PDB file of N, CA and C in Angstrom:
ATOM      1  N   MET A   1       5.996  -1.609  16.739  1.00  0.00           N
ATOM      2  CA  MET A   1       5.535  -0.694  15.953  1.00  0.00           C
ATOM      3  C   MET A   1       6.017   0.857  16.209  1.00  0.00           C
ATOM      4  N   LEU A   2       6.421   1.301  15.213  1.00  0.00           N
ATOM      5  CA  LEU A   2       7.013   2.697  15.407  1.00  0.00           C
ATOM      6  C   LEU A   2       6.019   3.833  15.389  1.00  0.00           C
ATOM      7  N   LEU A   3       4.908   3.645  14.653  1.00  0.00           N
ATOM      8  CA  LEU A   3       3.976   4.649  14.472  1.00  0.00           C
ATOM      9  C   LEU A   3       2.677   4.249  15.445  1.00  0.00           C
ATOM     10  N   VAL A   4       2.087   5.328  15.963  1.00  0.00           N
ATOM     11  CA  VAL A   4       0.860   5.263  16.783  1.00  0.00           C
ATOM     12  C   VAL A   4      -0.161   5.077  15.786  1.00  0.00           C
ATOM     13  N   ARG A   5      -1.077   4.018  16.361  1.00  0.00           N
ATOM     14  CA  ARG A   5      -2.250   3.694  15.476  1.00  0.00           C
ATOM     15  C   ARG A   5      -3.050   5.101  15.006  1.00  0.00           C
ATOM     16  N   ASP A   6      -3.330   5.768  15.776  1.00  0.00           N
ATOM     17  CA  ASP A   6      -4.024   7.081  15.583  1.00  0.00           C
ATOM     18  C   ASP A   6      -3.225   7.823  14.284  1.00  0.00           C
ATOM     19  N   PHE A   7      -2.010   7.974  14.320  1.00  0.00           N
ATOM     20  CA  PHE A   7      -1.192   8.574  13.297  1.00  0.00           C
ATOM     21  C   PHE A   7      -1.409   7.720  11.999  1.00  0.00           C
ATOM     22  N   VAL A   8      -1.523   6.398  11.983  1.00  0.00           N
ATOM     23  CA  VAL A   8      -1.738   5.772  10.921  1.00  0.00           C
ATOM     24  C   VAL A   8      -3.153   6.051  10.241  1.00  0.00           C
ATOM     25  N   ALA A   9      -4.231   6.240  10.999  1.00  0.00           N
ATOM     26  CA  ALA A   9      -5.542   6.633  10.489  1.00  0.00           C
ATOM     27  C   ALA A   9      -5.656   8.002   9.991  1.00  0.00           C
ATOM     28  N   HIS A  10      -4.765   8.848  10.562  1.00  0.00           N
ATOM     29  CA  HIS A  10      -4.668  10.267   9.940  1.00  0.00           C
ATOM     30  C   HIS A  10      -3.668  10.243   8.562  1.00  0.00           C
ATOM     31  N   MET A  11      -2.799   9.355   8.662  1.00  0.00           N
ATOM     32  CA  MET A  11      -2.084   9.227   7.415  1.00  0.00           C
ATOM     33  C   MET A  11      -3.190   8.556   6.280  1.00  0.00           C
ATOM     34  N   ALA A  12      -3.572   7.550   6.508  1.00  0.00           N
ATOM     35  CA  ALA A  12      -4.583   6.959   5.533  1.00  0.00           C
ATOM     36  C   ALA A  12      -5.650   7.946   4.914  1.00  0.00           C
ATOM     37  N   ASN A  13      -6.142   8.764   6.041  1.00  0.00           N
ATOM     38  CA  ASN A  13      -7.098   9.861   5.535  1.00  0.00           C
ATOM     39  C   ASN A  13      -6.440  10.982   4.701  1.00  0.00           C
ATOM     40  N   GLU A  14      -5.357  11.246   4.896  1.00  0.00           N
ATOM     41  CA  GLU A  14      -4.662  12.286   4.128  1.00  0.00           C
ATOM     42  C   GLU A  14      -4.285  11.540   2.678  1.00  0.00           C
ATOM     43  N   VAL A  15      -3.794  10.247   2.672  1.00  0.00           N
ATOM     44  CA  VAL A  15      -3.476   9.666   1.418  1.00  0.00           C
ATOM     45  C   VAL A  15      -4.644   9.728   0.556  1.00  0.00           C
ATOM     46  N   VAL A  16      -5.908   9.338   0.915  1.00  0.00           N
ATOM     47  CA  VAL A  16      -7.197   9.121   0.223  1.00  0.00           C
ATOM     48  C   VAL A  16      -7.540  10.475  -0.059  1.00  0.00           C
ATOM     49  N   LYS A  17      -7.340  11.475   0.737  1.00  0.00           N
ATOM     50  CA  LYS A  17      -7.778  12.882   0.450  1.00  0.00           C
ATOM     51  C   LYS A  17      -7.080  13.342  -0.750  1.00  0.00           C
ATOM     52  N   ARG A  18      -5.683  13.221  -0.784  1.00  0.00           N
ATOM     53  CA  ARG A  18      -4.775  13.705  -1.716  1.00  0.00           C
ATOM     54  C   ARG A  18      -5.028  12.957  -3.066  1.00  0.00           C
ATOM     55  N   LEU A  19      -5.396  11.799  -3.094  1.00  0.00           N
ATOM     56  CA  LEU A  19      -5.479  10.956  -4.254  1.00  0.00           C
ATOM     57  C   LEU A  19      -6.828  11.499  -5.036  1.00  0.00           C
ATOM     58  N   VAL A  20      -7.945  11.652  -4.068  1.00  0.00           N
ATOM     59  CA  VAL A  20      -9.214  12.245  -4.677  1.00  0.00           C
ATOM     60  C   VAL A  20      -9.096  13.591  -5.154  1.00  0.00           C
ATOM     61  N   GLU A  21      -8.427  14.357  -4.379  1.00  0.00           N
ATOM     62  CA  GLU A  21      -8.012  15.918  -4.898  1.00  0.00           C
ATOM     63  C   GLU A  21      -7.312  15.961  -6.184  1.00  0.00           C
ATOM     64  N   GLY A  22      -6.298  14.894  -6.205  1.00  0.00           N
ATOM     65  CA  GLY A  22      -5.293  15.033  -7.363  1.00  0.00           C
ATOM     66  C   GLY A  22      -6.074  14.241  -8.597  1.00  0.00           C
ATOM     67  N   GLY A  23      -7.331  13.918  -8.371  1.00  0.00           N
ATOM     68  CA  GLY A  23      -7.915  13.108  -9.535  1.00  0.00           C
ATOM     69  C   GLY A  23      -7.104  11.850  -9.875  1.00  0.00           C
ATOM     70  N   GLN A  24      -6.496  11.256  -8.874  1.00  0.00           N
ATOM     71  CA  GLN A  24      -6.072   9.972  -9.247  1.00  0.00           C
ATOM     72  C   GLN A  24      -6.867   8.914  -8.941  1.00  0.00           C
ATOM     73  N   ILE A  25      -7.865   9.172  -8.147  1.00  0.00           N
ATOM     74  CA  ILE A  25      -8.944   8.055  -7.969  1.00  0.00           C
ATOM     75  C   ILE A  25     -10.260   8.905  -7.646  1.00  0.00           C
ATOM     76  N   GLU A  26     -11.373   8.240  -8.083  1.00  0.00           N
ATOM     77  CA  GLU A  26     -12.617   8.460  -8.047  1.00  0.00           C
ATOM     78  C   GLU A  26     -13.558   7.453  -7.178  1.00  0.00           C
ATOM     79  N   THR A  27     -14.127   8.131  -5.893  1.00  0.00           N
ATOM     80  CA  THR A  27     -14.773   7.059  -5.045  1.00  0.00           C
ATOM     81  C   THR A  27     -16.092   8.026  -4.524  1.00  0.00           C
ATOM     82  N   LYS A  28     -17.182   7.261  -4.511  1.00  0.00           N
ATOM     83  CA  LYS A  28     -18.309   7.761  -3.668  1.00  0.00           C
ATOM     84  C   LYS A  28     -18.162   7.339  -2.241  1.00  0.00           C
ATOM     85  N   ALA A  29     -17.463   6.415  -1.889  1.00  0.00           N
ATOM     86  CA  ALA A  29     -17.300   5.734  -0.571  1.00  0.00           C
ATOM     87  C   ALA A  29     -16.003   5.983  -0.004  1.00  0.00           C
ATOM     88  N   LYS A  30     -15.696   7.378   0.282  1.00  0.00           N
ATOM     89  CA  LYS A  30     -14.482   7.730   0.755  1.00  0.00           C
ATOM     90  C   LYS A  30     -13.939   7.246   1.973  1.00  0.00           C
ATOM     91  N   GLU A  31     -14.981   7.119   2.983  1.00  0.00           N
ATOM     92  CA  GLU A  31     -14.683   6.483   4.226  1.00  0.00           C
ATOM     93  C   GLU A  31     -14.361   4.992   4.114  1.00  0.00           C
ATOM     94  N   ALA A  32     -15.028   4.392   3.299  1.00  0.00           N
ATOM     95  CA  ALA A  32     -14.680   2.937   2.978  1.00  0.00           C
ATOM     96  C   ALA A  32     -13.299   2.626   2.442  1.00  0.00           C
ATOM     97  N   VAL A  33     -12.821   3.697   1.698  1.00  0.00           N
ATOM     98  CA  VAL A  33     -11.526   3.624   0.922  1.00  0.00           C
ATOM     99  C   VAL A  33     -10.588   3.847   1.975  1.00  0.00           C
ATOM    100  N   THR A  34     -10.717   4.867   2.640  1.00  0.00           N
ATOM    101  CA  THR A  34      -9.900   5.396   3.803  1.00  0.00           C
ATOM    102  C   THR A  34      -9.738   4.147   4.849  1.00  0.00           C
ATOM    103  N   THR A  35     -10.886   3.442   5.190  1.00  0.00           N
ATOM    104  CA  THR A  35     -10.782   2.408   6.387  1.00  0.00           C
ATOM    105  C   THR A  35      -9.852   1.078   5.582  1.00  0.00           C
ATOM    106  N   ARG A  36     -10.004   0.898   4.226  1.00  0.00           N
ATOM    107  CA  ARG A  36      -9.215  -0.191   3.619  1.00  0.00           C
ATOM    108  C   ARG A  36      -7.846   0.149   3.652  1.00  0.00           C
ATOM    109  N   VAL A  37      -7.424   1.550   3.381  1.00  0.00           N
ATOM    110  CA  VAL A  37      -6.007   1.880   3.297  1.00  0.00           C
ATOM    111  C   VAL A  37      -5.353   1.818   4.808  1.00  0.00           C
ATOM    112  N   ARG A  38      -6.100   2.330   5.818  1.00  0.00           N
ATOM    113  CA  ARG A  38      -5.749   2.313   7.100  1.00  0.00           C
ATOM    114  C   ARG A  38      -5.484   0.703   7.458  1.00  0.00           C
ATOM    115  N   GLN A  39      -6.251  -0.266   7.021  1.00  0.00           N
ATOM    116  CA  GLN A  39      -6.270  -1.570   7.605  1.00  0.00           C
ATOM    117  C   GLN A  39      -4.819  -2.130   6.739  1.00  0.00           C
ATOM    118  N   ARG A  40      -4.694  -1.874   5.542  1.00  0.00           N
ATOM    119  CA  ARG A  40      -3.579  -2.241   4.887  1.00  0.00           C
ATOM    120  C   ARG A  40      -2.378  -1.736   5.301  1.00  0.00           C
ATOM    121  N   MET A  41      -2.260  -0.251   5.850  1.00  0.00           N
ATOM    122  CA  MET A  41      -1.102   0.133   6.324  1.00  0.00           C
ATOM    123  C   MET A  41      -0.737  -0.647   7.832  1.00  0.00           C
ATOM    124  N   LEU A  42      -1.702  -0.865   8.529  1.00  0.00           N
ATOM    125  CA  LEU A  42      -1.450  -1.606   9.816  1.00  0.00           C
ATOM    126  C   LEU A  42      -0.946  -2.830   9.506  1.00  0.00           C
ATOM    127  N   GLU A  43      -1.631  -3.526   8.543  1.00  0.00           N
ATOM    128  CA  GLU A  43      -1.084  -4.747   8.263  1.00  0.00           C
ATOM    129  C   GLU A  43       0.338  -4.718   7.916  1.00  0.00           C
ATOM    130  N   GLU A  44       0.723  -3.941   7.308  1.00  0.00           N
ATOM    131  CA  GLU A  44       2.223  -3.608   6.526  1.00  0.00           C
ATOM    132  C   GLU A  44       3.010  -3.564   7.786  1.00  0.00           C
ATOM    133  N   LEU A  45       2.811  -2.665   8.705  1.00  0.00           N
ATOM    134  CA  LEU A  45       3.477  -2.245   9.864  1.00  0.00           C
ATOM    135  C   LEU A  45       3.840  -3.261  10.796  1.00  0.00           C
ATOM    136  N   THR A  46       2.820  -4.324  10.892  1.00  0.00           N
ATOM    137  CA  THR A  46       2.868  -5.326  11.878  1.00  0.00           C
ATOM    138  C   THR A  46       3.487  -6.708  11.104  1.00  0.00           C
ATOM    139  N   VAL A  47       3.987  -6.486   9.937  1.00  0.00           N
ATOM    140  CA  VAL A  47       4.658  -7.782   9.358  1.00  0.00           C
ATOM    141  C   VAL A  47       5.835  -8.140  10.190  1.00  0.00           C
ATOM    142  N   GLU A  48       6.691  -7.238  10.534  1.00  0.00           N
ATOM    143  CA  GLU A  48       7.951  -7.565  11.095  1.00  0.00           C
ATOM    144  C   GLU A  48       7.813  -8.005  12.725  1.00  0.00           C
ATOM    145  N   ASP A  49       6.547  -7.562  13.163  1.00  0.00           N
ATOM    146  CA  ASP A  49       6.337  -8.072  14.662  1.00  0.00           C
ATOM    147  C   ASP A  49       5.814  -9.537  14.620  1.00  0.00           C
ATOM    148  N   ARG A  50       5.072  -9.976  13.467  1.00  0.00           N
ATOM    149  CA  ARG A  50       4.439 -11.086  13.302  1.00  0.00           C
ATOM    150  C   ARG A  50       5.877 -12.152  12.985  1.00  0.00           C
ATOM    151  N   LEU A  51       6.710 -11.600  12.221  1.00  0.00           N
ATOM    152  CA  LEU A  51       7.806 -12.606  11.845  1.00  0.00           C
ATOM    153  C   LEU A  51       8.735 -12.579  13.082  1.00  0.00           C
ATOM    154  N   ASN A  52       8.869 -11.683  13.699  1.00  0.00           N
ATOM    155  CA  ASN A  52       9.542 -11.764  15.210  1.00  0.00           C
ATOM    156  C   ASN A  52       8.975 -12.865  16.110  1.00  0.00           C
ATOM    157  N   GLU A  53       7.765 -12.897  16.133  1.00  0.00           N
ATOM    158  CA  GLU A  53       6.979 -13.848  16.948  1.00  0.00           C
ATOM    159  C   GLU A  53       7.299 -15.325  16.299  1.00  0.00           C
ATOM    160  N   GLU A  54       7.085 -15.529  14.905  1.00  0.00           N
ATOM    161  CA  GLU A  54       7.572 -16.576  14.453  1.00  0.00           C
ATOM    162  C   GLU A  54       8.916 -17.025  14.758  1.00  0.00           C
ATOM    163  N   VAL A  55       9.707 -16.218  14.604  1.00  0.00           N
ATOM    164  CA  VAL A  55      11.348 -16.729  14.823  1.00  0.00           C
ATOM    165  C   VAL A  55      11.419 -17.041  16.200  1.00  0.00           C
ATOM    166  N   ARG A  56      10.855 -16.300  17.204  1.00  0.00           N
ATOM    167  CA  ARG A  56      10.735 -16.906  18.659  1.00  0.00           C
ATOM    168  C   ARG A  56      10.155 -18.280  18.877  1.00  0.00           C
ATOM    169  N   GLN A  57       9.255 -18.347  18.113  1.00  0.00           N
ATOM    170  CA  GLN A  57       8.376 -19.835  18.180  1.00  0.00           C
ATOM    171  C   GLN A  57       9.482 -20.936  17.864  1.00  0.00           C
ATOM    172  N   ILE A  58       9.981 -20.655  16.675  1.00  0.00           N
ATOM    173  CA  ILE A  58      10.889 -21.787  16.083  1.00  0.00           C
ATOM    174  C   ILE A  58      11.994 -21.876  17.062  1.00  0.00           C
ATOM    175  N   LEU A  59      12.608 -20.773  17.652  1.00  0.00           N
ATOM    176  CA  LEU A  59      13.864 -21.058  18.376  1.00  0.00           C
ATOM    177  C   LEU A  59      13.450 -21.688  19.760  1.00  0.00           C
ATOM    178  N   VAL A  60      12.126 -21.531  20.193  1.00  0.00           N
ATOM    179  CA  VAL A  60      11.776 -22.292  21.471  1.00  0.00           C
ATOM    180  C   VAL A  60      11.716 -23.703  21.110  1.00  0.00           C
ATOM    181  N   GLU A  61      11.015 -24.055  19.760  1.00  0.00           N
ATOM    182  CA  GLU A  61      10.995 -25.442  19.474  1.00  0.00           C
ATOM    183  C   GLU A  61      12.430 -26.129  19.285  1.00  0.00           C
ATOM    184  N   ARG A  62      13.458 -25.440  19.046  1.00  0.00           N
ATOM    185  CA  ARG A  62      14.826 -25.877  18.734  1.00  0.00           C
ATOM    186  C   ARG A  62      15.584 -25.739  19.817  1.00  0.00           C
ATOM    187  N   GLN A  63      15.078 -25.089  20.969  1.00  0.00           N
ATOM    188  CA  GLN A  63      16.275 -24.637  22.057  1.00  0.00           C
ATOM    189  C   GLN A  63      16.934 -25.952  22.694  1.00  0.00           C
ATOM    190  N   ASP A  64      16.556 -27.132  22.673  1.00  0.00           N
ATOM    191  CA  ASP A  64      17.453 -28.186  22.971  1.00  0.00           C
ATOM    192  C   ASP A  64      18.585 -28.478  21.977  1.00  0.00           C
ATOM    193  N   GLU A  65      18.327 -28.406  20.833  1.00  0.00           N
ATOM    194  CA  GLU A  65      19.198 -28.631  19.784  1.00  0.00           C
ATOM    195  C   GLU A  65      20.450 -27.378  19.852  1.00  0.00           C
ATOM    196  N   MET A  66      19.742 -26.256  20.000  1.00  0.00           N
ATOM    197  CA  MET A  66      20.781 -24.919  20.239  1.00  0.00           C
ATOM    198  C   MET A  66      21.797 -25.184  21.531  1.00  0.00           C
ATOM    199  N   ARG A  67      20.915 -25.797  22.373  1.00  0.00           N
ATOM    200  CA  ARG A  67      21.809 -25.913  23.703  1.00  0.00           C
ATOM    201  C   ARG A  67      22.930 -27.083  23.461  1.00  0.00           C
ATOM    202  N   SER A  68      22.636 -27.991  22.822  1.00  0.00           N
ATOM    203  CA  SER A  68      23.610 -29.035  22.601  1.00  0.00           C
ATOM    204  C   SER A  68      24.702 -28.796  21.590  1.00  0.00           C
ATOM    205  N   THR A  69      24.443 -27.729  20.606  1.00  0.00           N
ATOM    206  CA  THR A  69      25.481 -27.402  19.828  1.00  0.00           C
ATOM    207  C   THR A  69      26.236 -26.032  20.120  1.00  0.00           C
ATOM    208  N   GLY A  70      25.572 -25.368  21.218  1.00  0.00           N
ATOM    209  CA  GLY A  70      26.219 -24.292  21.731  1.00  0.00           C
ATOM    210  C   GLY A  70      26.117 -23.060  20.981  1.00  0.00           C
ATOM    211  N   VAL A  71      24.958 -22.896  20.203  1.00  0.00           N
ATOM    212  CA  VAL A  71      24.848 -21.928  19.211  1.00  0.00           C
ATOM    213  C   VAL A  71      24.194 -20.777  20.088  1.00  0.00           C
ATOM    214  N   SER A  72      24.580 -19.413  19.888  1.00  0.00           N
ATOM    215  CA  SER A  72      24.012 -18.409  20.696  1.00  0.00           C
ATOM    216  C   SER A  72      22.548 -18.109  20.180  1.00  0.00           C
ATOM    217  N   TYR A  73      21.771 -17.632  21.053  1.00  0.00           N
ATOM    218  CA  TYR A  73      20.275 -17.398  20.728  1.00  0.00           C
ATOM    219  C   TYR A  73      20.066 -16.206  19.889  1.00  0.00           C
ATOM    220  N   GLN A  74      20.975 -15.169  19.929  1.00  0.00           N
ATOM    221  CA  GLN A  74      21.116 -13.961  19.269  1.00  0.00           C
ATOM    222  C   GLN A  74      21.370 -14.308  17.750  1.00  0.00           C
ATOM    223  N   GLU A  75      22.595 -15.139  17.700  1.00  0.00           N
ATOM    224  CA  GLU A  75      22.985 -15.375  16.255  1.00  0.00           C
ATOM    225  C   GLU A  75      22.023 -16.088  15.575  1.00  0.00           C
ATOM    226  N   MET A  76      21.333 -17.147  16.244  1.00  0.00           N
ATOM    227  CA  MET A  76      20.312 -17.884  15.629  1.00  0.00           C
ATOM    228  C   MET A  76      19.004 -17.083  15.315  1.00  0.00           C
ATOM    229  N   TYR A  77      18.637 -16.309  16.108  1.00  0.00           N
ATOM    230  CA  TYR A  77      17.640 -15.456  15.888  1.00  0.00           C
ATOM    231  C   TYR A  77      17.779 -14.393  14.695  1.00  0.00           C
ATOM    232  N   LYS A  78      18.980 -13.938  14.553  1.00  0.00           N
ATOM    233  CA  LYS A  78      19.299 -13.062  13.189  1.00  0.00           C
ATOM    234  C   LYS A  78      19.366 -13.973  12.046  1.00  0.00           C
ATOM    235  N   LYS A  79      19.884 -15.093  12.000  1.00  0.00           N
ATOM    236  CA  LYS A  79      19.789 -16.102  10.827  1.00  0.00           C
ATOM    237  C   LYS A  79      18.452 -16.543  10.433  1.00  0.00           C
ATOM    238  N   VAL A  80      17.768 -17.008  11.354  1.00  0.00           N
ATOM    239  CA  VAL A  80      16.406 -17.455  11.094  1.00  0.00           C
ATOM    240  C   VAL A  80      15.366 -16.306  10.640  1.00  0.00           C
ATOM    241  N   LYS A  81      15.479 -15.209  11.271  1.00  0.00           N
ATOM    242  CA  LYS A  81      14.837 -13.922  10.799  1.00  0.00           C
ATOM    243  C   LYS A  81      15.186 -13.642   9.396  1.00  0.00           C
ATOM    244  N   GLN A  82      16.256 -13.383   8.947  1.00  0.00           N
ATOM    245  CA  GLN A  82      17.107 -13.235   7.654  1.00  0.00           C
ATOM    246  C   GLN A  82      16.499 -14.268   6.673  1.00  0.00           C
ATOM    247  N   HIS A  83      16.639 -15.557   7.039  1.00  0.00           N
ATOM    248  CA  HIS A  83      16.223 -16.492   6.139  1.00  0.00           C
ATOM    249  C   HIS A  83      14.623 -16.686   5.814  1.00  0.00           C
ATOM    250  N   LEU A  84      13.868 -16.383   6.797  1.00  0.00           N
ATOM    251  CA  LEU A  84      12.553 -16.348   6.365  1.00  0.00           C
ATOM    252  C   LEU A  84      11.967 -14.989   5.742  1.00  0.00           C
ATOM    253  N   ALA A  85      12.616 -13.880   6.029  1.00  0.00           N
ATOM    254  CA  ALA A  85      12.361 -12.708   5.413  1.00  0.00           C
ATOM    255  C   ALA A  85      12.827 -12.855   3.947  1.00  0.00           C
ATOM    256  N   ARG A  86      13.954 -13.437   3.463  1.00  0.00           N
ATOM    257  CA  ARG A  86      14.520 -13.702   2.140  1.00  0.00           C
ATOM    258  C   ARG A  86      13.217 -14.480   1.538  1.00  0.00           C
ATOM    259  N   ASP A  87      13.189 -15.739   2.324  1.00  0.00           N
ATOM    260  CA  ASP A  87      11.993 -16.706   1.621  1.00  0.00           C
ATOM    261  C   ASP A  87      10.866 -16.097   1.326  1.00  0.00           C
ATOM    262  N   ARG A  88      10.203 -15.120   2.092  1.00  0.00           N
ATOM    263  CA  ARG A  88       9.000 -14.549   1.858  1.00  0.00           C
ATOM    264  C   ARG A  88       8.947 -13.048   1.144  1.00  0.00           C
ATOM    265  N   LYS A  89      10.169 -12.841   0.767  1.00  0.00           N
ATOM    266  CA  LYS A  89      10.562 -11.582  -0.093  1.00  0.00           C
ATOM    267  C   LYS A  89       9.989 -10.316   0.647  1.00  0.00           C
ATOM    268  N   LEU A  90      10.408 -10.181   2.045  1.00  0.00           N
ATOM    269  CA  LEU A  90       9.892  -9.184   2.861  1.00  0.00           C
ATOM    270  C   LEU A  90      11.121  -8.107   2.904  1.00  0.00           C
ATOM    271  N   VAL A  91      10.682  -6.792   2.859  1.00  0.00           N
ATOM    272  CA  VAL A  91      11.618  -5.768   2.972  1.00  0.00           C
ATOM    273  C   VAL A  91      11.354  -5.367   4.639  1.00  0.00           C
ATOM    274  N   LEU A  92      12.447  -5.453   5.107  1.00  0.00           N
ATOM    275  CA  LEU A  92      12.461  -5.070   6.701  1.00  0.00           C
ATOM    276  C   LEU A  92      13.090  -3.763   6.925  1.00  0.00           C
ATOM    277  N   ARG A  93      12.747  -2.988   7.901  1.00  0.00           N
ATOM    278  CA  ARG A  93      13.341  -1.828   8.201  1.00  0.00           C
ATOM    279  C   ARG A  93      14.520  -1.949   9.089  1.00  0.00           C
TER     280      ARG A  93
END
């Protein structure tokens, strides 16, 4: 993850603050909204980390196959990651 978790909390606070000040949302529970925005931002930031872990697991399960066919780990890593991202309609950085 490129952003520090504390900075994500600050960004979520600013987003909610500006939405309220701009009249785009109304809420009596500003802290609850800020918490939900922060949680969603953190989830979104960790999507690629979770995808990378899943790709690693898939490649571990298929390592014998890869060894016998002589396919490089890096090449398969990129292909599997692109395939999963495309199937799930993920936008990666």
